[in-house]
Amino acid sequence: QVQLVESGGGLVQAGDSLTLSCAASGGTFNTYAVGWFRQAPGKEREFVAGINWSGGSRVVADSVKGRFTISRASARRPVYLQMNNLEPEDTAVYYCAARLNFNSDYVGQGQIEYFKWGQGTQVTVSS
């Protein structure tokens, strides 16, 4: 049973960078697309970025475009979310999620499309 494990969160200052990692435990997620979502206190969970099974197709939310980059070296490797020029508004719990996606360029942005979720990692950006 594949589990998703996030890491890399922490407390940083505005303008700093962080890289979050989403790895598969107990198996591989080489047939899965992976999405990053975040939930700030008192707000709905929102889509941040997603990448298809091969890494050839990516989608980034407008709210973080130009600052956040999602990547994966190959279908079997972890998925990374590189976050640059962080702002206090980026403070949230960040979750990675997976959906079956083999041999497709489609990257879903809806939470309901993802069936497997990690526990989340806290990112706090101070001003």
N, C-alpha and C. Protein backbone atom coordinates (compact mmCIF):
# COMPACT_ATOMS: atom_id res chain seq x y z
N GLN A 1 0.84 -1.18 0.00
CA GLN A 1 0.00 0.00 0.00
C GLN A 1 0.89 1.25 0.00
N VAL A 2 0.79 2.03 -1.04
CA VAL A 2 1.63 3.22 -1.16
C VAL A 2 1.10 4.32 -0.25
N GLN A 3 2.00 4.90 0.50
CA GLN A 3 1.69 6.06 1.32
C GLN A 3 2.52 7.23 0.82
N LEU A 4 1.97 8.42 0.96
CA LEU A 4 2.69 9.62 0.55
C LEU A 4 3.27 10.31 1.78
N VAL A 5 4.51 10.72 1.67
CA VAL A 5 5.19 11.36 2.79
C VAL A 5 5.76 12.70 2.32
N GLU A 6 5.27 13.76 2.95
CA GLU A 6 5.79 15.09 2.64
C GLU A 6 6.90 15.46 3.60
N SER A 7 7.81 16.28 3.14
CA SER A 7 8.87 16.80 4.01
C SER A 7 9.33 18.13 3.44
N GLY A 8 10.06 18.88 4.27
CA GLY A 8 10.66 20.12 3.82
C GLY A 8 10.01 21.38 4.33
N GLY A 9 8.92 21.26 5.06
CA GLY A 9 8.29 22.45 5.59
C GLY A 9 9.11 23.09 6.69
N GLY A 10 8.68 24.27 7.11
CA GLY A 10 9.39 24.94 8.18
C GLY A 10 8.97 26.38 8.33
N LEU A 11 9.71 27.09 9.16
CA LEU A 11 9.47 28.51 9.44
C LEU A 11 10.55 29.31 8.72
N VAL A 12 10.11 30.21 7.85
CA VAL A 12 11.05 31.04 7.11
C VAL A 12 10.56 32.48 7.13
N GLN A 13 11.40 33.37 6.62
CA GLN A 13 11.02 34.76 6.51
C GLN A 13 10.55 35.08 5.10
N ALA A 14 9.80 36.13 4.98
CA ALA A 14 9.33 36.56 3.67
C ALA A 14 10.54 36.78 2.74
N GLY A 15 10.38 36.27 1.52
CA GLY A 15 11.47 36.37 0.56
C GLY A 15 12.35 35.15 0.49
N ASP A 16 12.26 34.29 1.50
CA ASP A 16 13.07 33.07 1.52
C ASP A 16 12.49 32.00 0.58
N SER A 17 13.23 30.91 0.47
CA SER A 17 12.81 29.79 -0.36
C SER A 17 12.73 28.51 0.46
N LEU A 18 11.88 27.61 0.02
CA LEU A 18 11.77 26.26 0.60
C LEU A 18 11.49 25.29 -0.53
N THR A 19 11.93 24.05 -0.32
CA THR A 19 11.60 23.00 -1.26
C THR A 19 10.90 21.88 -0.51
N LEU A 20 9.68 21.61 -0.91
CA LEU A 20 8.93 20.50 -0.33
C LEU A 20 9.13 19.25 -1.18
N SER A 21 9.13 18.11 -0.52
CA SER A 21 9.29 16.85 -1.20
C SER A 21 8.12 15.94 -0.89
N CYS A 22 7.67 15.22 -1.89
CA CYS A 22 6.61 14.22 -1.73
C CYS A 22 7.16 12.90 -2.23
N ALA A 23 7.32 11.95 -1.32
CA ALA A 23 7.87 10.65 -1.67
C ALA A 23 6.86 9.55 -1.40
N ALA A 24 7.05 8.44 -2.08
CA ALA A 24 6.18 7.29 -1.90
C ALA A 24 6.82 6.31 -0.93
N SER A 25 6.06 5.90 0.05
CA SER A 25 6.53 4.92 1.02
C SER A 25 5.74 3.63 0.84
N GLY A 26 6.44 2.49 0.81
CA GLY A 26 5.74 1.22 0.65
C GLY A 26 5.45 0.87 -0.79
N GLY A 27 6.06 1.58 -1.70
CA GLY A 27 5.84 1.31 -3.12
C GLY A 27 6.32 2.48 -3.94
N THR A 28 5.89 2.53 -5.17
CA THR A 28 6.25 3.65 -6.04
C THR A 28 4.97 4.28 -6.56
N PHE A 29 5.09 5.51 -7.02
CA PHE A 29 3.92 6.14 -7.63
C PHE A 29 4.22 6.53 -9.07
N ASN A 30 4.86 5.58 -9.76
CA ASN A 30 5.26 5.85 -11.13
C ASN A 30 4.09 5.92 -12.10
N THR A 31 2.92 5.50 -11.70
CA THR A 31 1.75 5.63 -12.58
C THR A 31 0.80 6.73 -12.11
N TYR A 32 1.28 7.53 -11.21
CA TYR A 32 0.43 8.54 -10.59
C TYR A 32 0.81 9.95 -10.99
N ALA A 33 -0.20 10.77 -11.18
CA ALA A 33 0.01 12.20 -11.19
C ALA A 33 0.03 12.67 -9.73
N VAL A 34 0.74 13.72 -9.46
CA VAL A 34 0.86 14.23 -8.10
C VAL A 34 0.49 15.70 -8.07
N GLY A 35 -0.30 16.05 -7.10
CA GLY A 35 -0.67 17.45 -6.92
C GLY A 35 -0.27 17.94 -5.55
N TRP A 36 0.01 19.22 -5.48
CA TRP A 36 0.24 19.89 -4.19
C TRP A 36 -0.96 20.80 -3.92
N PHE A 37 -1.46 20.69 -2.71
CA PHE A 37 -2.55 21.54 -2.25
C PHE A 37 -2.10 22.20 -0.95
N ARG A 38 -2.80 23.26 -0.57
CA ARG A 38 -2.49 23.88 0.71
C ARG A 38 -3.77 24.37 1.38
N GLN A 39 -3.70 24.42 2.69
CA GLN A 39 -4.84 24.90 3.46
C GLN A 39 -4.33 25.83 4.54
N ALA A 40 -4.74 27.07 4.43
CA ALA A 40 -4.41 28.07 5.43
C ALA A 40 -5.48 28.08 6.51
N PRO A 41 -5.17 28.56 7.70
CA PRO A 41 -6.16 28.58 8.78
C PRO A 41 -7.42 29.34 8.37
N GLY A 42 -8.54 28.70 8.55
CA GLY A 42 -9.82 29.33 8.25
C GLY A 42 -10.17 29.40 6.78
N LYS A 43 -9.39 28.76 5.94
CA LYS A 43 -9.63 28.81 4.49
C LYS A 43 -9.82 27.41 3.93
N GLU A 44 -10.39 27.36 2.73
CA GLU A 44 -10.57 26.11 2.03
C GLU A 44 -9.21 25.62 1.50
N ARG A 45 -9.11 24.32 1.36
CA ARG A 45 -7.91 23.76 0.74
C ARG A 45 -7.91 24.14 -0.73
N GLU A 46 -6.77 24.53 -1.22
CA GLU A 46 -6.68 24.98 -2.61
C GLU A 46 -5.53 24.30 -3.35
N PHE A 47 -5.74 24.16 -4.64
CA PHE A 47 -4.73 23.59 -5.52
C PHE A 47 -3.58 24.57 -5.68
N VAL A 48 -2.35 24.02 -5.64
CA VAL A 48 -1.16 24.84 -5.81
C VAL A 48 -0.44 24.49 -7.12
N ALA A 49 -0.18 23.23 -7.32
CA ALA A 49 0.54 22.79 -8.52
C ALA A 49 0.35 21.30 -8.70
N GLY A 50 0.49 20.85 -9.95
CA GLY A 50 0.36 19.43 -10.23
C GLY A 50 1.24 19.03 -11.38
N ILE A 51 1.55 17.74 -11.43
CA ILE A 51 2.44 17.22 -12.47
C ILE A 51 1.97 15.83 -12.84
N ASN A 52 2.06 15.51 -14.12
CA ASN A 52 1.56 14.20 -14.54
C ASN A 52 2.59 13.11 -14.24
N TRP A 53 2.27 11.87 -14.60
CA TRP A 53 3.07 10.73 -14.20
C TRP A 53 4.51 10.81 -14.70
N SER A 54 4.72 11.38 -15.87
CA SER A 54 6.06 11.40 -16.45
C SER A 54 6.83 12.67 -16.13
N GLY A 55 6.13 13.69 -15.66
CA GLY A 55 6.77 14.98 -15.44
C GLY A 55 6.72 15.89 -16.64
N GLY A 56 6.12 15.41 -17.73
CA GLY A 56 6.08 16.20 -18.95
C GLY A 56 4.98 17.23 -19.00
N SER A 57 4.04 17.15 -18.11
CA SER A 57 2.91 18.08 -18.08
C SER A 57 2.75 18.64 -16.68
N ARG A 58 2.68 19.96 -16.57
CA ARG A 58 2.61 20.61 -15.27
C ARG A 58 1.59 21.73 -15.30
N VAL A 59 0.98 21.96 -14.15
CA VAL A 59 0.04 23.07 -13.98
C VAL A 59 0.38 23.75 -12.67
N VAL A 60 0.40 25.07 -12.69
CA VAL A 60 0.67 25.85 -11.48
C VAL A 60 -0.45 26.87 -11.31
N ALA A 61 -0.95 27.01 -10.11
CA ALA A 61 -2.02 27.97 -9.83
C ALA A 61 -1.54 29.40 -10.09
N ASP A 62 -2.45 30.22 -10.53
CA ASP A 62 -2.11 31.61 -10.84
C ASP A 62 -1.55 32.33 -9.62
N SER A 63 -2.03 31.96 -8.44
CA SER A 63 -1.63 32.66 -7.22
C SER A 63 -0.15 32.47 -6.89
N VAL A 64 0.47 31.45 -7.43
CA VAL A 64 1.88 31.18 -7.14
C VAL A 64 2.74 31.11 -8.39
N LYS A 65 2.14 31.33 -9.52
CA LYS A 65 2.88 31.23 -10.79
C LYS A 65 4.03 32.24 -10.79
N GLY A 66 5.17 31.77 -11.26
CA GLY A 66 6.36 32.61 -11.27
C GLY A 66 7.18 32.50 -10.01
N ARG A 67 6.61 31.94 -8.94
CA ARG A 67 7.34 31.76 -7.69
C ARG A 67 7.52 30.28 -7.33
N PHE A 68 6.53 29.46 -7.66
CA PHE A 68 6.56 28.04 -7.32
C PHE A 68 6.78 27.21 -8.58
N THR A 69 7.54 26.15 -8.44
CA THR A 69 7.81 25.22 -9.53
C THR A 69 7.65 23.80 -9.03
N ILE A 70 6.94 22.99 -9.80
CA ILE A 70 6.79 21.58 -9.45
C ILE A 70 7.63 20.76 -10.41
N SER A 71 8.24 19.70 -9.90
CA SER A 71 9.11 18.90 -10.75
C SER A 71 9.22 17.47 -10.23
N ARG A 72 9.62 16.58 -11.14
CA ARG A 72 9.96 15.21 -10.77
C ARG A 72 10.95 14.74 -11.82
N ALA A 73 12.05 14.11 -11.37
CA ALA A 73 13.10 13.72 -12.30
C ALA A 73 12.65 12.56 -13.18
N SER A 74 11.81 11.70 -12.63
CA SER A 74 11.28 10.58 -13.40
C SER A 74 10.02 10.10 -12.69
N ALA A 75 9.33 9.17 -13.31
CA ALA A 75 8.07 8.68 -12.75
C ALA A 75 8.26 8.02 -11.39
N ARG A 76 9.44 7.51 -11.12
CA ARG A 76 9.67 6.79 -9.86
C ARG A 76 10.29 7.66 -8.77
N ARG A 77 10.62 8.86 -9.09
CA ARG A 77 11.33 9.72 -8.15
C ARG A 77 10.35 10.60 -7.38
N PRO A 78 10.80 11.19 -6.26
CA PRO A 78 9.90 12.10 -5.52
C PRO A 78 9.48 13.30 -6.37
N VAL A 79 8.43 13.92 -5.94
CA VAL A 79 7.95 15.14 -6.57
C VAL A 79 8.32 16.30 -5.66
N TYR A 80 8.86 17.34 -6.26
CA TYR A 80 9.30 18.49 -5.49
C TYR A 80 8.47 19.72 -5.80
N LEU A 81 8.29 20.54 -4.79
CA LEU A 81 7.66 21.85 -4.97
C LEU A 81 8.68 22.89 -4.49
N GLN A 82 9.29 23.56 -5.46
CA GLN A 82 10.25 24.60 -5.16
C GLN A 82 9.49 25.91 -4.98
N MET A 83 9.62 26.51 -3.80
CA MET A 83 8.88 27.74 -3.49
C MET A 83 9.87 28.86 -3.24
N ASN A 84 9.82 29.85 -4.11
CA ASN A 84 10.73 30.99 -4.00
C ASN A 84 9.96 32.26 -3.63
N ASN A 85 10.69 33.20 -3.11
CA ASN A 85 10.11 34.50 -2.76
C ASN A 85 8.82 34.32 -1.95
N LEU A 86 8.90 33.56 -0.91
CA LEU A 86 7.72 33.24 -0.10
C LEU A 86 7.15 34.48 0.55
N GLU A 87 5.83 34.46 0.67
CA GLU A 87 5.09 35.57 1.26
C GLU A 87 4.32 35.06 2.47
N PRO A 88 3.98 35.95 3.42
CA PRO A 88 3.19 35.50 4.58
C PRO A 88 1.89 34.81 4.15
N GLU A 89 1.33 35.21 3.01
CA GLU A 89 0.10 34.59 2.52
C GLU A 89 0.29 33.15 2.09
N ASP A 90 1.52 32.71 1.97
CA ASP A 90 1.79 31.31 1.62
C ASP A 90 1.77 30.40 2.84
N THR A 91 1.60 30.98 4.02
CA THR A 91 1.54 30.18 5.24
C THR A 91 0.34 29.24 5.19
N ALA A 92 0.61 27.95 5.34
CA ALA A 92 -0.44 26.94 5.24
C ALA A 92 0.16 25.56 5.52
N VAL A 93 -0.72 24.59 5.66
CA VAL A 93 -0.29 23.20 5.64
C VAL A 93 -0.34 22.76 4.18
N TYR A 94 0.75 22.21 3.71
CA TYR A 94 0.87 21.78 2.33
C TYR A 94 0.75 20.27 2.26
N TYR A 95 -0.12 19.81 1.36
CA TYR A 95 -0.38 18.38 1.20
C TYR A 95 -0.01 17.96 -0.22
N CYS A 96 0.57 16.78 -0.35
CA CYS A 96 0.67 16.20 -1.67
C CYS A 96 -0.38 15.10 -1.79
N ALA A 97 -0.82 14.91 -3.00
CA ALA A 97 -1.87 13.94 -3.28
C ALA A 97 -1.59 13.27 -4.61
N ALA A 98 -2.11 12.07 -4.78
CA ALA A 98 -1.83 11.31 -5.99
C ALA A 98 -3.12 10.78 -6.62
N ARG A 99 -3.08 10.66 -7.94
CA ARG A 99 -4.18 10.07 -8.69
C ARG A 99 -3.59 9.22 -9.81
N LEU A 100 -4.26 8.17 -10.18
CA LEU A 100 -3.78 7.33 -11.26
C LEU A 100 -3.78 8.13 -12.55
N ASN A 101 -2.73 7.93 -13.34
CA ASN A 101 -2.56 8.86 -14.45
C ASN A 101 -1.67 8.31 -15.55
N PHE A 102 -1.42 7.00 -15.58
CA PHE A 102 -0.40 6.48 -16.48
C PHE A 102 -0.70 6.81 -17.93
N ASN A 103 0.33 7.29 -18.62
CA ASN A 103 0.28 7.55 -20.06
C ASN A 103 -0.71 8.64 -20.43
N SER A 104 -0.82 9.65 -19.56
CA SER A 104 -1.72 10.77 -19.83
C SER A 104 -1.02 12.07 -19.48
N ASP A 105 -1.35 13.13 -20.23
CA ASP A 105 -0.81 14.45 -19.94
C ASP A 105 -1.71 15.24 -19.01
N TYR A 106 -2.84 14.68 -18.66
CA TYR A 106 -3.81 15.41 -17.86
C TYR A 106 -3.32 15.60 -16.43
N VAL A 107 -3.50 16.80 -15.91
CA VAL A 107 -3.17 17.10 -14.52
C VAL A 107 -4.42 17.67 -13.87
N GLY A 108 -5.00 16.97 -12.96
CA GLY A 108 -6.20 17.43 -12.31
C GLY A 108 -5.93 18.50 -11.29
N GLN A 109 -6.89 19.42 -11.13
CA GLN A 109 -6.76 20.48 -10.15
C GLN A 109 -7.79 20.39 -9.04
N GLY A 110 -8.69 19.45 -9.15
CA GLY A 110 -9.71 19.31 -8.13
C GLY A 110 -9.33 18.30 -7.07
N GLN A 111 -9.63 18.61 -5.83
CA GLN A 111 -9.29 17.70 -4.74
C GLN A 111 -9.96 16.34 -4.93
N ILE A 112 -11.15 16.35 -5.46
CA ILE A 112 -11.92 15.12 -5.58
C ILE A 112 -11.29 14.15 -6.56
N GLU A 113 -10.41 14.66 -7.41
CA GLU A 113 -9.75 13.79 -8.39
C GLU A 113 -8.62 12.97 -7.79
N TYR A 114 -8.20 13.31 -6.60
CA TYR A 114 -7.06 12.66 -5.97
C TYR A 114 -7.56 11.72 -4.88
N PHE A 115 -7.04 10.50 -4.88
CA PHE A 115 -7.56 9.51 -3.94
C PHE A 115 -6.60 9.18 -2.81
N LYS A 116 -5.34 9.62 -2.94
CA LYS A 116 -4.36 9.30 -1.91
C LYS A 116 -3.69 10.60 -1.46
N TRP A 117 -3.64 10.79 -0.14
CA TRP A 117 -3.14 12.04 0.42
C TRP A 117 -2.08 11.77 1.46
N GLY A 118 -1.12 12.72 1.53
CA GLY A 118 -0.14 12.68 2.61
C GLY A 118 -0.70 13.37 3.85
N GLN A 119 0.11 13.38 4.91
CA GLN A 119 -0.32 13.96 6.18
C GLN A 119 -0.15 15.46 6.22
N GLY A 120 0.62 16.01 5.32
CA GLY A 120 0.81 17.45 5.29
C GLY A 120 2.08 17.90 5.98
N THR A 121 2.58 19.04 5.56
CA THR A 121 3.75 19.64 6.18
C THR A 121 3.49 21.15 6.31
N GLN A 122 3.81 21.67 7.49
CA GLN A 122 3.52 23.07 7.78
C GLN A 122 4.58 23.98 7.18
N VAL A 123 4.10 25.02 6.52
CA VAL A 123 4.97 26.09 6.03
C VAL A 123 4.49 27.39 6.66
N THR A 124 5.38 28.05 7.36
CA THR A 124 5.05 29.32 8.01
C THR A 124 6.02 30.38 7.53
N VAL A 125 5.47 31.46 7.00
CA VAL A 125 6.29 32.55 6.47
C VAL A 125 6.03 33.78 7.32
N SER A 126 7.06 34.27 7.96
CA SER A 126 6.92 35.46 8.80
C SER A 126 7.27 36.71 7.99
N SER A 127 6.65 37.80 8.36
CA SER A 127 6.86 39.05 7.62
C SER A 127 8.04 39.82 8.18
